[in-house]
Amino acid sequence: MMVLLLVALGPADGYLHGEACRLLMKLEVYDDPRLMSSMIGLGKVMGIQSIEKYVQVLDDKLKYSAMLKEIYAKVNGKTVDDPDLVAFFKFKCWA
C-alpha cells in the first residue's frame, strides 16, 4: 500500500508533490484525495503550468470538474466563487 503524507510547501517539496501526482495518475486512482492535495501542492510550488498535463487527463474523464475547480482555486489562493475564476470555469465548461 502506498502511503503519502505531504504537508510542507518548500521548493524541494515540488519534487515530492510531482512524484505523488505522477504515481497516482499512472495508477489511475483519480478519486484518491491525495491526488488533489498533491496537485495543489505542486501547482503552488511549481506554478499552474506544472499540473496542466494532469488537469487535461482529468478534464477528459468528464467527471472531475468540481475537483478541478477546487484545485485551480486553491493554487491561485482564491475561492471557487471568485468572479474571475467563475468566468474561467465557464470558459472551461466546468461551471
N, C-alpha and C. Protein backbone atom coordinates (compact mmCIF):
# COMPACT_ATOMS: atom_id res chain seq x y z
N MET A 1 0.84 -1.19 0.00
CA MET A 1 0.00 0.00 0.00
C MET A 1 0.89 1.24 0.00
N MET A 2 0.52 2.18 -0.82
CA MET A 2 1.28 3.41 -0.94
C MET A 2 0.81 4.39 0.13
N VAL A 3 1.75 4.96 0.88
CA VAL A 3 1.42 5.93 1.91
C VAL A 3 2.11 7.23 1.56
N LEU A 4 1.31 8.27 1.43
CA LEU A 4 1.85 9.59 1.12
C LEU A 4 1.29 10.60 2.10
N LEU A 5 2.16 11.37 2.71
CA LEU A 5 1.73 12.45 3.58
C LEU A 5 2.60 13.65 3.26
N LEU A 6 2.06 14.59 2.53
CA LEU A 6 2.82 15.75 2.10
C LEU A 6 2.18 17.00 2.68
N VAL A 7 2.94 17.75 3.46
CA VAL A 7 2.39 18.91 4.12
C VAL A 7 3.13 20.19 3.73
N ALA A 8 4.45 20.18 3.80
CA ALA A 8 5.24 21.39 3.58
C ALA A 8 5.22 21.80 2.11
N LEU A 9 5.49 23.06 1.87
CA LEU A 9 5.49 23.59 0.51
C LEU A 9 6.76 24.37 0.21
N GLY A 10 7.90 23.76 0.38
CA GLY A 10 9.17 24.39 0.01
C GLY A 10 9.54 24.00 -1.40
N PRO A 11 10.55 24.62 -1.97
CA PRO A 11 10.97 24.30 -3.34
C PRO A 11 11.29 22.83 -3.55
N ALA A 12 11.92 22.20 -2.57
CA ALA A 12 12.25 20.78 -2.71
C ALA A 12 11.01 19.91 -2.66
N ASP A 13 9.95 20.42 -2.05
CA ASP A 13 8.72 19.65 -1.95
C ASP A 13 7.97 19.57 -3.28
N GLY A 14 8.29 20.44 -4.21
CA GLY A 14 7.69 20.35 -5.53
C GLY A 14 7.97 18.99 -6.15
N TYR A 15 9.17 18.49 -5.93
CA TYR A 15 9.52 17.17 -6.45
C TYR A 15 8.64 16.08 -5.83
N LEU A 16 8.44 16.15 -4.51
CA LEU A 16 7.61 15.15 -3.84
C LEU A 16 6.17 15.19 -4.32
N HIS A 17 5.63 16.39 -4.43
CA HIS A 17 4.25 16.53 -4.92
C HIS A 17 4.15 16.05 -6.37
N GLY A 18 5.15 16.36 -7.16
CA GLY A 18 5.15 15.93 -8.56
C GLY A 18 5.20 14.42 -8.68
N GLU A 19 6.03 13.77 -7.88
CA GLU A 19 6.11 12.31 -7.90
C GLU A 19 4.81 11.68 -7.42
N ALA A 20 4.19 12.26 -6.39
CA ALA A 20 2.92 11.74 -5.91
C ALA A 20 1.86 11.84 -7.01
N CYS A 21 1.80 12.98 -7.69
CA CYS A 21 0.84 13.16 -8.79
C CYS A 21 1.11 12.14 -9.90
N ARG A 22 2.37 12.01 -10.26
CA ARG A 22 2.74 11.10 -11.34
C ARG A 22 2.33 9.66 -11.01
N LEU A 23 2.61 9.22 -9.79
CA LEU A 23 2.28 7.84 -9.40
C LEU A 23 0.77 7.61 -9.33
N LEU A 24 0.05 8.56 -8.75
CA LEU A 24 -1.40 8.40 -8.63
C LEU A 24 -2.07 8.44 -10.00
N MET A 25 -1.58 9.28 -10.89
CA MET A 25 -2.14 9.34 -12.24
C MET A 25 -1.80 8.06 -13.01
N LYS A 26 -0.61 7.55 -12.82
CA LYS A 26 -0.20 6.32 -13.50
C LYS A 26 -1.07 5.14 -13.05
N LEU A 27 -1.40 5.12 -11.75
CA LEU A 27 -2.26 4.07 -11.21
C LEU A 27 -3.74 4.32 -11.51
N GLU A 28 -4.06 5.48 -12.06
CA GLU A 28 -5.42 5.89 -12.41
C GLU A 28 -6.36 5.87 -11.21
N VAL A 29 -5.85 6.33 -10.08
CA VAL A 29 -6.69 6.45 -8.87
C VAL A 29 -7.09 7.91 -8.72
N TYR A 30 -7.90 8.36 -9.65
CA TYR A 30 -8.27 9.76 -9.73
C TYR A 30 -9.14 10.23 -8.56
N ASP A 31 -9.82 9.32 -7.88
CA ASP A 31 -10.68 9.71 -6.76
C ASP A 31 -9.92 9.76 -5.44
N ASP A 32 -8.66 9.42 -5.44
CA ASP A 32 -7.85 9.43 -4.22
C ASP A 32 -7.66 10.87 -3.76
N PRO A 33 -7.99 11.19 -2.51
CA PRO A 33 -7.86 12.57 -2.03
C PRO A 33 -6.41 13.08 -2.05
N ARG A 34 -5.45 12.17 -2.03
CA ARG A 34 -4.05 12.58 -2.08
C ARG A 34 -3.70 13.19 -3.43
N LEU A 35 -4.43 12.81 -4.47
CA LEU A 35 -4.17 13.38 -5.79
C LEU A 35 -4.46 14.87 -5.79
N MET A 36 -5.61 15.25 -5.25
CA MET A 36 -5.96 16.66 -5.23
C MET A 36 -4.97 17.45 -4.38
N SER A 37 -4.62 16.96 -3.21
CA SER A 37 -3.69 17.70 -2.36
C SER A 37 -2.31 17.79 -3.00
N SER A 38 -1.90 16.74 -3.69
CA SER A 38 -0.60 16.77 -4.36
C SER A 38 -0.60 17.72 -5.55
N MET A 39 -1.71 17.75 -6.28
CA MET A 39 -1.80 18.68 -7.41
C MET A 39 -1.80 20.12 -6.92
N ILE A 40 -2.48 20.38 -5.81
CA ILE A 40 -2.48 21.73 -5.24
C ILE A 40 -1.07 22.11 -4.80
N GLY A 41 -0.41 21.20 -4.10
CA GLY A 41 0.96 21.48 -3.65
C GLY A 41 1.90 21.71 -4.80
N LEU A 42 1.82 20.88 -5.83
CA LEU A 42 2.68 21.03 -7.00
C LEU A 42 2.39 22.35 -7.71
N GLY A 43 1.12 22.67 -7.85
CA GLY A 43 0.75 23.92 -8.51
C GLY A 43 1.22 25.15 -7.76
N LYS A 44 1.17 25.09 -6.43
CA LYS A 44 1.62 26.23 -5.63
C LYS A 44 3.13 26.40 -5.70
N VAL A 45 3.86 25.29 -5.70
CA VAL A 45 5.32 25.36 -5.69
C VAL A 45 5.88 25.63 -7.09
N MET A 46 5.40 24.93 -8.08
CA MET A 46 5.99 24.98 -9.42
C MET A 46 5.18 25.81 -10.43
N GLY A 47 3.99 26.23 -10.05
CA GLY A 47 3.16 27.02 -10.96
C GLY A 47 2.08 26.17 -11.61
N ILE A 48 1.04 26.83 -12.05
CA ILE A 48 -0.13 26.15 -12.61
C ILE A 48 0.22 25.34 -13.85
N GLN A 49 1.22 25.77 -14.61
CA GLN A 49 1.59 25.04 -15.83
C GLN A 49 2.13 23.65 -15.51
N SER A 50 2.64 23.46 -14.31
CA SER A 50 3.22 22.16 -13.96
C SER A 50 2.15 21.08 -13.80
N ILE A 51 0.90 21.48 -13.63
CA ILE A 51 -0.16 20.47 -13.46
C ILE A 51 -1.09 20.39 -14.66
N GLU A 52 -0.82 21.14 -15.70
CA GLU A 52 -1.71 21.17 -16.87
C GLU A 52 -1.90 19.79 -17.50
N LYS A 53 -0.86 18.99 -17.55
CA LYS A 53 -0.97 17.65 -18.13
C LYS A 53 -1.98 16.80 -17.34
N TYR A 54 -1.91 16.90 -16.01
CA TYR A 54 -2.82 16.13 -15.16
C TYR A 54 -4.24 16.69 -15.24
N VAL A 55 -4.35 18.02 -15.33
CA VAL A 55 -5.66 18.65 -15.47
C VAL A 55 -6.33 18.17 -16.76
N GLN A 56 -5.58 18.09 -17.84
CA GLN A 56 -6.14 17.64 -19.11
C GLN A 56 -6.65 16.21 -19.02
N VAL A 57 -5.90 15.34 -18.37
CA VAL A 57 -6.34 13.95 -18.21
C VAL A 57 -7.64 13.89 -17.42
N LEU A 58 -7.72 14.64 -16.32
CA LEU A 58 -8.93 14.64 -15.51
C LEU A 58 -10.09 15.30 -16.24
N ASP A 59 -9.81 16.35 -16.98
CA ASP A 59 -10.85 17.03 -17.75
C ASP A 59 -11.43 16.10 -18.82
N ASP A 60 -10.60 15.29 -19.42
CA ASP A 60 -11.07 14.35 -20.44
C ASP A 60 -11.97 13.27 -19.87
N LYS A 61 -11.88 13.01 -18.58
CA LYS A 61 -12.72 12.00 -17.93
C LYS A 61 -14.14 12.52 -17.69
N LEU A 62 -14.34 13.81 -17.77
CA LEU A 62 -15.66 14.47 -17.71
C LEU A 62 -16.39 14.38 -16.37
N LYS A 63 -15.78 13.84 -15.33
CA LYS A 63 -16.49 13.77 -14.06
C LYS A 63 -15.73 14.41 -12.91
N TYR A 64 -14.67 15.12 -13.22
CA TYR A 64 -13.83 15.70 -12.19
C TYR A 64 -13.85 17.23 -12.20
N SER A 65 -14.91 17.83 -12.72
CA SER A 65 -14.98 19.29 -12.81
C SER A 65 -14.92 19.95 -11.45
N ALA A 66 -15.63 19.41 -10.47
CA ALA A 66 -15.64 20.01 -9.13
C ALA A 66 -14.24 19.95 -8.51
N MET A 67 -13.56 18.85 -8.69
CA MET A 67 -12.22 18.71 -8.16
C MET A 67 -11.26 19.68 -8.84
N LEU A 68 -11.38 19.82 -10.15
CA LEU A 68 -10.50 20.73 -10.90
C LEU A 68 -10.74 22.18 -10.49
N LYS A 69 -12.00 22.54 -10.26
CA LYS A 69 -12.31 23.89 -9.82
C LYS A 69 -11.66 24.17 -8.48
N GLU A 70 -11.74 23.23 -7.58
CA GLU A 70 -11.14 23.42 -6.26
C GLU A 70 -9.61 23.51 -6.35
N ILE A 71 -9.02 22.69 -7.20
CA ILE A 71 -7.56 22.73 -7.38
C ILE A 71 -7.14 24.10 -7.90
N TYR A 72 -7.79 24.58 -8.96
CA TYR A 72 -7.44 25.88 -9.52
C TYR A 72 -7.62 26.99 -8.49
N ALA A 73 -8.71 26.94 -7.73
CA ALA A 73 -8.97 27.98 -6.74
C ALA A 73 -7.88 27.99 -5.67
N LYS A 74 -7.53 26.83 -5.16
CA LYS A 74 -6.54 26.78 -4.08
C LYS A 74 -5.14 27.12 -4.56
N VAL A 75 -4.79 26.73 -5.77
CA VAL A 75 -3.47 27.09 -6.31
C VAL A 75 -3.37 28.61 -6.46
N ASN A 76 -4.47 29.25 -6.85
CA ASN A 76 -4.48 30.70 -7.03
C ASN A 76 -4.77 31.46 -5.75
N GLY A 77 -5.02 30.75 -4.64
CA GLY A 77 -5.30 31.42 -3.37
C GLY A 77 -6.63 32.14 -3.35
N LYS A 78 -7.60 31.62 -4.10
CA LYS A 78 -8.93 32.23 -4.16
C LYS A 78 -9.98 31.18 -3.81
N THR A 79 -11.23 31.63 -3.74
CA THR A 79 -12.33 30.70 -3.51
C THR A 79 -12.91 30.29 -4.86
N VAL A 80 -13.66 29.21 -4.85
CA VAL A 80 -14.29 28.72 -6.08
C VAL A 80 -15.30 29.74 -6.61
N ASP A 81 -15.85 30.57 -5.72
CA ASP A 81 -16.86 31.56 -6.10
C ASP A 81 -16.27 32.89 -6.57
N ASP A 82 -14.97 33.01 -6.64
CA ASP A 82 -14.33 34.25 -7.07
C ASP A 82 -14.79 34.58 -8.50
N PRO A 83 -15.19 35.83 -8.75
CA PRO A 83 -15.72 36.19 -10.09
C PRO A 83 -14.77 35.88 -11.24
N ASP A 84 -13.48 36.11 -11.04
CA ASP A 84 -12.52 35.81 -12.12
C ASP A 84 -12.48 34.32 -12.42
N LEU A 85 -12.50 33.52 -11.37
CA LEU A 85 -12.44 32.08 -11.57
C LEU A 85 -13.75 31.53 -12.12
N VAL A 86 -14.88 32.12 -11.72
CA VAL A 86 -16.17 31.67 -12.24
C VAL A 86 -16.20 31.83 -13.76
N ALA A 87 -15.69 32.94 -14.25
CA ALA A 87 -15.63 33.17 -15.70
C ALA A 87 -14.71 32.14 -16.36
N PHE A 88 -13.58 31.86 -15.73
CA PHE A 88 -12.64 30.86 -16.27
C PHE A 88 -13.28 29.48 -16.28
N PHE A 89 -14.00 29.13 -15.22
CA PHE A 89 -14.65 27.82 -15.14
C PHE A 89 -15.73 27.67 -16.20
N LYS A 90 -16.44 28.75 -16.49
CA LYS A 90 -17.43 28.71 -17.57
C LYS A 90 -16.76 28.49 -18.91
N PHE A 91 -15.64 29.15 -19.12
CA PHE A 91 -14.88 29.00 -20.35
C PHE A 91 -14.42 27.54 -20.52
N LYS A 92 -14.00 26.92 -19.42
CA LYS A 92 -13.54 25.53 -19.46
C LYS A 92 -14.70 24.53 -19.42
N CYS A 93 -15.94 25.01 -19.34
CA CYS A 93 -17.16 24.18 -19.24
C CYS A 93 -17.16 23.36 -17.95
N TRP A 94 -16.64 23.94 -16.88
CA TRP A 94 -16.67 23.28 -15.56
C TRP A 94 -17.74 23.87 -14.68
N ALA A 95 -18.49 24.84 -15.18
CA ALA A 95 -19.49 25.54 -14.34
C ALA A 95 -20.66 24.66 -14.00
